[in-house]
Amino acid sequence: MDPNHFQRIAKALADPRRFEIFEEMAASADELACGRIVERFPVTQATVSHHLKELTDAGLIEIRPEGQFRYCRARLDVLEEYIQELQRRCGLTRKSKTAPKRNAR
């Protein structure tokens, strides 16, 4: 994964509200209407739009327009790639369930 892309994803997921929005999309089996996302969170439509833009720019979601509506879905493939890169950077592998042992000080 490109280092800049990795950083964009990390930054996008660092915001608690944005992470909640992404979590909602990732848990959904189908696309979510952007209007439904606005209804589910106690923030303005403009704030949700900003969060969706940040998630889109990071490649974590796709937005599909249909008429006057927009539908969002999580890019779980991108999330999986990010997780693998994070594990690699931290010296973890998918096979290892525990953190590497560290020497006592």
N, C-alpha and C. Protein backbone atom coordinates (compact mmCIF):
# COMPACT_ATOMS: atom_id res chain seq x y z
N MET A 1 0.85 -1.18 0.00
CA MET A 1 0.00 0.00 0.00
C MET A 1 0.90 1.24 0.00
N ASP A 2 0.55 2.18 -0.81
CA ASP A 2 1.27 3.44 -0.91
C ASP A 2 1.26 4.14 0.46
N PRO A 3 2.40 4.65 0.92
CA PRO A 3 2.46 5.31 2.23
C PRO A 3 1.47 6.47 2.39
N ASN A 4 1.25 7.25 1.34
CA ASN A 4 0.29 8.35 1.42
C ASN A 4 -1.13 7.83 1.58
N HIS A 5 -1.46 6.75 0.89
CA HIS A 5 -2.79 6.16 1.01
C HIS A 5 -2.99 5.62 2.42
N PHE A 6 -1.97 4.97 2.96
CA PHE A 6 -2.03 4.45 4.32
C PHE A 6 -2.32 5.59 5.31
N GLN A 7 -1.62 6.71 5.15
CA GLN A 7 -1.82 7.85 6.04
C GLN A 7 -3.22 8.46 5.90
N ARG A 8 -3.74 8.53 4.67
CA ARG A 8 -5.09 9.07 4.46
C ARG A 8 -6.13 8.21 5.17
N ILE A 9 -5.96 6.89 5.09
CA ILE A 9 -6.91 5.99 5.76
C ILE A 9 -6.80 6.17 7.27
N ALA A 10 -5.58 6.19 7.79
CA ALA A 10 -5.39 6.36 9.24
C ALA A 10 -6.03 7.66 9.72
N LYS A 11 -5.82 8.73 8.98
CA LYS A 11 -6.40 10.03 9.34
C LYS A 11 -7.93 9.98 9.28
N ALA A 12 -8.46 9.35 8.24
CA ALA A 12 -9.92 9.27 8.09
C ALA A 12 -10.55 8.50 9.24
N LEU A 13 -9.92 7.43 9.67
CA LEU A 13 -10.49 6.60 10.73
C LEU A 13 -10.19 7.13 12.13
N ALA A 14 -9.31 8.13 12.24
CA ALA A 14 -8.94 8.68 13.55
C ALA A 14 -10.05 9.52 14.17
N ASP A 15 -10.92 10.09 13.35
CA ASP A 15 -12.02 10.90 13.87
C ASP A 15 -13.11 9.97 14.41
N PRO A 16 -13.50 10.10 15.68
CA PRO A 16 -14.48 9.18 16.27
C PRO A 16 -15.82 9.14 15.53
N ARG A 17 -16.36 10.28 15.15
CA ARG A 17 -17.65 10.29 14.45
C ARG A 17 -17.52 9.65 13.08
N ARG A 18 -16.45 9.97 12.38
CA ARG A 18 -16.22 9.40 11.05
C ARG A 18 -16.07 7.89 11.15
N PHE A 19 -15.37 7.44 12.19
CA PHE A 19 -15.22 6.00 12.39
C PHE A 19 -16.58 5.35 12.63
N GLU A 20 -17.44 6.00 13.41
CA GLU A 20 -18.79 5.48 13.66
C GLU A 20 -19.57 5.36 12.35
N ILE A 21 -19.46 6.36 11.51
CA ILE A 21 -20.16 6.35 10.22
C ILE A 21 -19.63 5.20 9.37
N PHE A 22 -18.31 5.05 9.31
CA PHE A 22 -17.73 3.96 8.53
C PHE A 22 -18.14 2.61 9.11
N GLU A 23 -18.13 2.51 10.42
CA GLU A 23 -18.52 1.26 11.10
C GLU A 23 -19.95 0.87 10.73
N GLU A 24 -20.84 1.85 10.70
CA GLU A 24 -22.24 1.61 10.32
C GLU A 24 -22.32 1.07 8.90
N MET A 25 -21.55 1.67 7.99
CA MET A 25 -21.56 1.20 6.60
C MET A 25 -20.96 -0.18 6.47
N ALA A 26 -19.86 -0.42 7.16
CA ALA A 26 -19.18 -1.72 7.07
C ALA A 26 -20.05 -2.84 7.61
N ALA A 27 -20.87 -2.54 8.61
CA ALA A 27 -21.74 -3.55 9.20
C ALA A 27 -22.98 -3.82 8.35
N SER A 28 -23.28 -2.92 7.43
CA SER A 28 -24.46 -3.06 6.59
C SER A 28 -24.18 -4.05 5.47
N ALA A 29 -25.14 -4.93 5.22
CA ALA A 29 -25.00 -5.91 4.14
C ALA A 29 -25.22 -5.26 2.78
N ASP A 30 -25.79 -4.08 2.77
CA ASP A 30 -26.14 -3.42 1.51
C ASP A 30 -25.69 -1.96 1.56
N GLU A 31 -25.93 -1.25 0.48
CA GLU A 31 -25.64 0.18 0.45
C GLU A 31 -26.56 0.91 1.43
N LEU A 32 -26.09 2.05 1.89
CA LEU A 32 -26.91 2.92 2.72
C LEU A 32 -27.15 4.22 1.99
N ALA A 33 -28.38 4.69 2.01
CA ALA A 33 -28.67 6.01 1.44
C ALA A 33 -28.00 7.06 2.32
N CYS A 34 -27.38 8.04 1.71
CA CYS A 34 -26.70 9.09 2.47
C CYS A 34 -27.67 9.78 3.43
N GLY A 35 -28.91 9.95 3.00
CA GLY A 35 -29.92 10.56 3.86
C GLY A 35 -30.17 9.76 5.13
N ARG A 36 -30.09 8.44 5.03
CA ARG A 36 -30.27 7.58 6.21
C ARG A 36 -29.12 7.77 7.20
N ILE A 37 -27.93 7.99 6.67
CA ILE A 37 -26.78 8.22 7.54
C ILE A 37 -26.98 9.51 8.32
N VAL A 38 -27.48 10.54 7.65
CA VAL A 38 -27.76 11.82 8.32
C VAL A 38 -28.77 11.60 9.45
N GLU A 39 -29.78 10.77 9.22
CA GLU A 39 -30.81 10.51 10.23
C GLU A 39 -30.25 9.76 11.43
N ARG A 40 -29.25 8.94 11.24
CA ARG A 40 -28.73 8.08 12.31
C ARG A 40 -27.74 8.76 13.25
N PHE A 41 -27.22 9.90 12.87
CA PHE A 41 -26.20 10.56 13.68
C PHE A 41 -26.63 11.97 14.05
N PRO A 42 -26.34 12.39 15.28
CA PRO A 42 -26.77 13.71 15.75
C PRO A 42 -25.85 14.84 15.29
N VAL A 43 -25.66 14.92 13.98
CA VAL A 43 -24.85 15.99 13.39
C VAL A 43 -25.59 16.52 12.17
N THR A 44 -25.15 17.65 11.68
CA THR A 44 -25.81 18.26 10.53
C THR A 44 -25.50 17.51 9.25
N GLN A 45 -26.30 17.77 8.24
CA GLN A 45 -26.09 17.17 6.92
C GLN A 45 -24.74 17.58 6.37
N ALA A 46 -24.35 18.84 6.61
CA ALA A 46 -23.06 19.33 6.12
C ALA A 46 -21.90 18.56 6.78
N THR A 47 -22.04 18.27 8.06
CA THR A 47 -21.00 17.51 8.76
C THR A 47 -20.89 16.10 8.22
N VAL A 48 -22.04 15.46 8.00
CA VAL A 48 -22.03 14.11 7.42
C VAL A 48 -21.39 14.15 6.04
N SER A 49 -21.74 15.14 5.23
CA SER A 49 -21.15 15.28 3.90
C SER A 49 -19.63 15.40 3.98
N HIS A 50 -19.15 16.18 4.93
CA HIS A 50 -17.70 16.32 5.11
C HIS A 50 -17.07 14.97 5.45
N HIS A 51 -17.67 14.24 6.39
CA HIS A 51 -17.14 12.94 6.77
C HIS A 51 -17.16 11.96 5.59
N LEU A 52 -18.23 11.98 4.82
CA LEU A 52 -18.31 11.09 3.65
C LEU A 52 -17.24 11.44 2.63
N LYS A 53 -16.97 12.73 2.46
CA LYS A 53 -15.92 13.14 1.52
C LYS A 53 -14.56 12.63 1.99
N GLU A 54 -14.28 12.75 3.27
CA GLU A 54 -13.00 12.27 3.80
C GLU A 54 -12.87 10.76 3.64
N LEU A 55 -13.95 10.03 3.90
CA LEU A 55 -13.92 8.57 3.73
C LEU A 55 -13.77 8.18 2.26
N THR A 56 -14.41 8.94 1.38
CA THR A 56 -14.28 8.70 -0.06
C THR A 56 -12.86 8.99 -0.53
N ASP A 57 -12.31 10.12 -0.11
CA ASP A 57 -10.95 10.49 -0.49
C ASP A 57 -9.93 9.45 -0.02
N ALA A 58 -10.21 8.82 1.12
CA ALA A 58 -9.31 7.78 1.64
C ALA A 58 -9.53 6.45 0.93
N GLY A 59 -10.58 6.36 0.11
CA GLY A 59 -10.87 5.13 -0.61
C GLY A 59 -11.64 4.11 0.21
N LEU A 60 -12.13 4.52 1.39
CA LEU A 60 -12.82 3.59 2.28
C LEU A 60 -14.28 3.37 1.92
N ILE A 61 -14.87 4.31 1.19
CA ILE A 61 -16.26 4.13 0.75
C ILE A 61 -16.40 4.54 -0.71
N GLU A 62 -17.47 4.06 -1.30
CA GLU A 62 -17.87 4.48 -2.64
C GLU A 62 -19.25 5.09 -2.53
N ILE A 63 -19.48 6.13 -3.29
CA ILE A 63 -20.80 6.77 -3.32
C ILE A 63 -21.33 6.65 -4.74
N ARG A 64 -22.54 6.10 -4.83
CA ARG A 64 -23.18 5.89 -6.13
C ARG A 64 -24.40 6.79 -6.23
N PRO A 65 -24.40 7.73 -7.18
CA PRO A 65 -25.59 8.56 -7.37
C PRO A 65 -26.67 7.80 -8.14
N GLU A 66 -27.90 8.03 -7.75
CA GLU A 66 -29.04 7.47 -8.48
C GLU A 66 -30.17 8.49 -8.39
N GLY A 67 -30.39 9.19 -9.49
CA GLY A 67 -31.37 10.27 -9.48
C GLY A 67 -30.94 11.34 -8.50
N GLN A 68 -31.86 11.72 -7.62
CA GLN A 68 -31.53 12.76 -6.64
C GLN A 68 -30.92 12.18 -5.36
N PHE A 69 -30.76 10.87 -5.30
CA PHE A 69 -30.23 10.22 -4.11
C PHE A 69 -28.80 9.76 -4.32
N ARG A 70 -28.10 9.57 -3.20
CA ARG A 70 -26.74 9.02 -3.24
C ARG A 70 -26.69 7.84 -2.27
N TYR A 71 -26.03 6.79 -2.70
CA TYR A 71 -25.93 5.57 -1.89
C TYR A 71 -24.46 5.28 -1.61
N CYS A 72 -24.18 4.90 -0.36
CA CYS A 72 -22.81 4.67 0.08
C CYS A 72 -22.62 3.20 0.44
N ARG A 73 -21.41 2.73 0.19
CA ARG A 73 -21.05 1.39 0.65
C ARG A 73 -19.58 1.40 1.05
N ALA A 74 -19.27 0.59 2.06
CA ALA A 74 -17.89 0.48 2.53
C ALA A 74 -17.07 -0.34 1.56
N ARG A 75 -15.84 0.05 1.37
CA ARG A 75 -14.88 -0.72 0.56
C ARG A 75 -14.10 -1.61 1.52
N LEU A 76 -14.64 -2.78 1.80
CA LEU A 76 -14.02 -3.68 2.75
C LEU A 76 -12.69 -4.23 2.24
N ASP A 77 -12.53 -4.27 0.91
CA ASP A 77 -11.25 -4.70 0.35
C ASP A 77 -10.14 -3.72 0.71
N VAL A 78 -10.47 -2.44 0.70
CA VAL A 78 -9.48 -1.41 1.07
C VAL A 78 -9.18 -1.50 2.57
N LEU A 79 -10.22 -1.73 3.37
CA LEU A 79 -10.01 -1.88 4.81
C LEU A 79 -9.10 -3.07 5.09
N GLU A 80 -9.34 -4.18 4.42
CA GLU A 80 -8.52 -5.38 4.61
C GLU A 80 -7.06 -5.11 4.22
N GLU A 81 -6.85 -4.40 3.13
CA GLU A 81 -5.50 -4.05 2.70
C GLU A 81 -4.82 -3.16 3.75
N TYR A 82 -5.58 -2.22 4.30
CA TYR A 82 -5.05 -1.33 5.35
C TYR A 82 -4.66 -2.14 6.58
N ILE A 83 -5.51 -3.06 6.99
CA ILE A 83 -5.24 -3.89 8.17
C ILE A 83 -3.97 -4.72 7.96
N GLN A 84 -3.84 -5.30 6.78
CA GLN A 84 -2.64 -6.08 6.48
C GLN A 84 -1.38 -5.21 6.53
N GLU A 85 -1.47 -4.01 5.98
CA GLU A 85 -0.33 -3.10 6.00
C GLU A 85 0.00 -2.66 7.43
N LEU A 86 -1.02 -2.41 8.23
CA LEU A 86 -0.82 -2.03 9.63
C LEU A 86 -0.12 -3.16 10.38
N GLN A 87 -0.58 -4.38 10.16
CA GLN A 87 0.05 -5.53 10.81
C GLN A 87 1.51 -5.67 10.37
N ARG A 88 1.76 -5.47 9.09
CA ARG A 88 3.13 -5.57 8.58
C ARG A 88 4.01 -4.51 9.24
N ARG A 89 3.50 -3.29 9.32
CA ARG A 89 4.29 -2.20 9.91
C ARG A 89 4.54 -2.41 11.39
N CYS A 90 3.64 -3.11 12.06
CA CYS A 90 3.79 -3.36 13.50
C CYS A 90 4.53 -4.66 13.79
N GLY A 91 4.96 -5.34 12.75
CA GLY A 91 5.69 -6.59 12.94
C GLY A 91 4.81 -7.77 13.27
N LEU A 92 3.53 -7.67 12.95
CA LEU A 92 2.59 -8.76 13.20
C LEU A 92 2.25 -9.43 11.89
N THR A 93 1.82 -10.66 11.98
CA THR A 93 1.35 -11.36 10.79
C THR A 93 -0.04 -11.89 11.07
N ARG A 94 -0.74 -12.30 10.04
CA ARG A 94 -2.09 -12.86 10.20
C ARG A 94 -2.04 -14.15 11.02
N LYS A 95 -0.94 -14.88 10.96
CA LYS A 95 -0.81 -16.15 11.69
C LYS A 95 -0.61 -15.92 13.18
N SER A 96 -0.01 -14.80 13.53
CA SER A 96 0.30 -14.51 14.92
C SER A 96 -0.88 -13.81 15.59
N LYS A 97 -1.36 -14.38 16.67
CA LYS A 97 -2.50 -13.79 17.39
C LYS A 97 -2.05 -12.91 18.55
N THR A 98 -0.78 -12.95 18.89
CA THR A 98 -0.29 -12.14 20.00
C THR A 98 0.80 -11.20 19.51
N ALA A 99 1.01 -10.17 20.27
CA ALA A 99 2.06 -9.22 19.93
C ALA A 99 3.42 -9.87 20.15
N PRO A 100 4.42 -9.41 19.42
CA PRO A 100 5.76 -9.97 19.62
C PRO A 100 6.23 -9.73 21.05
N LYS A 101 6.97 -10.70 21.59
CA LYS A 101 7.48 -10.56 22.96
C LYS A 101 8.54 -9.47 22.98
N ARG A 102 8.52 -8.70 24.04
CA ARG A 102 9.49 -7.62 24.20
C ARG A 102 10.34 -7.92 25.43
N ASN A 103 11.56 -7.48 25.40
CA ASN A 103 12.45 -7.67 26.54
C ASN A 103 12.03 -6.76 27.67
N ALA A 104 12.11 -7.28 28.90
CA ALA A 104 11.79 -6.47 30.08
C ALA A 104 12.88 -5.43 30.27
N ARG A 105 12.50 -4.29 30.80
CA ARG A 105 13.48 -3.21 31.02
C ARG A 105 14.18 -3.37 32.32
